[in-house]
Amino acid sequence: MHKILLGFLLTTCMEFALAATPKQLVLQVENLTCPACSIAIAKALDKVPGITAKRVDSRRATVTVSFDSERTNPAAIAKAITDAGFPATAVTSKNGG
């Protein structure tokens, strides 16, 4: 029983060690002028699998997104925002994204 438990724990630890490091993407967004725009963008991003965090800044007209690169990519994120009516262009991508 101890060997089974030990094997399970080692496997679980290995999975955490091999998990992808979240990447961060900053996008410049057009037409982002009010709190309602921020809500619309947040809802569009909620539909994109792999996004782990998002911050919409209407004053700077930017969206910062943390994401799992194994589940999504910068192009898909920009497309989701653009399709919601806010043309988006990637400004930076941190951690190799």
Protein backbone atom coordinates (compact mmCIF):
# COMPACT_ATOMS: atom_id res chain seq x y z
CA MET A 1 0.00 0.00 0.00
CA HIS A 2 2.86 2.37 0.82
CA LYS A 3 4.43 1.75 -2.59
CA ILE A 4 1.18 2.62 -4.34
CA LEU A 5 0.80 5.83 -2.34
CA LEU A 6 4.42 6.76 -2.92
CA GLY A 7 4.04 6.13 -6.65
CA PHE A 8 0.93 8.31 -6.77
CA LEU A 9 2.66 11.15 -4.93
CA LEU A 10 5.71 11.02 -7.19
CA THR A 11 3.53 11.05 -10.29
CA THR A 12 1.54 14.01 -9.00
CA CYS A 13 4.71 15.95 -8.15
CA MET A 14 6.11 15.27 -11.62
CA GLU A 15 2.95 16.63 -13.24
CA PHE A 16 3.23 19.86 -11.27
CA ALA A 17 6.90 20.18 -12.18
CA LEU A 18 6.14 19.71 -15.87
CA ALA A 19 3.13 22.05 -15.92
CA ALA A 20 3.49 24.93 -18.34
CA THR A 21 4.51 28.27 -16.93
CA PRO A 22 1.67 30.77 -17.48
CA LYS A 23 2.41 33.30 -20.16
CA GLN A 24 1.34 36.93 -20.13
CA LEU A 25 0.11 38.97 -23.05
CA VAL A 26 -0.61 42.71 -23.23
CA LEU A 27 -2.90 43.89 -26.01
CA GLN A 28 -3.68 47.38 -27.24
CA VAL A 29 -7.44 47.60 -27.77
CA GLU A 30 -9.43 50.04 -29.92
CA ASN A 31 -12.87 51.38 -28.92
CA LEU A 32 -12.23 50.61 -25.23
CA THR A 33 -13.80 53.71 -23.71
CA CYS A 34 -16.01 52.77 -20.76
CA PRO A 35 -16.77 50.22 -18.04
CA ALA A 36 -19.36 48.51 -20.26
CA CYS A 37 -16.64 47.92 -22.85
CA SER A 38 -14.50 46.29 -20.15
CA ILE A 39 -17.36 43.96 -19.24
CA ALA A 40 -17.91 42.98 -22.88
CA ILE A 41 -14.20 42.19 -23.30
CA ALA A 42 -14.09 40.20 -20.05
CA LYS A 43 -17.09 38.13 -21.16
CA ALA A 44 -15.45 37.45 -24.54
CA LEU A 45 -12.28 36.29 -22.79
CA ASP A 46 -14.27 34.03 -20.46
CA LYS A 47 -15.08 31.93 -23.54
CA VAL A 48 -11.40 31.35 -24.42
CA PRO A 49 -10.07 28.15 -22.81
CA GLY A 50 -6.75 28.48 -21.05
CA ILE A 51 -7.03 32.07 -19.85
CA THR A 52 -6.12 32.10 -16.16
CA ALA A 53 -6.37 35.84 -15.44
CA LYS A 54 -7.34 39.05 -17.19
CA ARG A 55 -7.13 42.77 -16.46
CA VAL A 56 -8.90 45.35 -18.61
CA ASP A 57 -7.61 48.93 -18.30
CA SER A 58 -9.98 51.33 -20.05
CA ARG A 59 -7.79 54.37 -19.26
CA ARG A 60 -4.82 52.90 -21.12
CA ALA A 61 -6.95 50.96 -23.61
CA THR A 62 -5.07 47.75 -22.81
CA VAL A 63 -5.92 44.22 -21.79
CA THR A 64 -3.42 42.07 -19.90
CA VAL A 65 -4.03 38.33 -20.02
CA SER A 66 -2.31 35.39 -18.33
CA PHE A 67 -2.83 32.14 -20.20
CA ASP A 68 -1.82 28.52 -20.59
CA SER A 69 0.03 28.28 -23.92
CA GLU A 70 -0.95 24.63 -24.27
CA ARG A 71 -4.63 25.61 -24.41
CA THR A 72 -4.63 28.94 -26.28
CA ASN A 73 -2.34 31.42 -28.01
CA PRO A 74 -2.01 35.19 -28.53
CA ALA A 75 -3.78 35.08 -31.91
CA ALA A 76 -6.85 33.36 -30.43
CA ILE A 77 -6.97 35.84 -27.56
CA ALA A 78 -6.72 38.85 -29.88
CA LYS A 79 -9.38 37.32 -32.15
CA ALA A 80 -11.83 36.89 -29.25
CA ILE A 81 -11.45 40.55 -28.29
CA THR A 82 -11.65 41.72 -31.91
CA ASP A 83 -14.75 39.59 -32.55
CA ALA A 84 -16.39 41.30 -29.57
CA GLY A 85 -16.04 44.62 -31.42
CA PHE A 86 -12.74 45.82 -30.03
CA PRO A 87 -9.86 45.40 -32.51
CA ALA A 88 -6.89 44.12 -30.51
CA THR A 89 -3.18 43.95 -31.28
CA ALA A 90 -0.56 42.22 -29.17
CA VAL A 91 1.92 44.64 -27.63
CA THR A 92 4.05 42.25 -25.60
CA SER A 93 4.16 38.64 -24.63
CA LYS A 94 6.15 37.66 -21.54
CA ASN A 95 7.62 34.26 -20.67
CA GLY A 96 8.09 33.23 -24.29
CA GLY A 97 4.45 33.59 -25.36
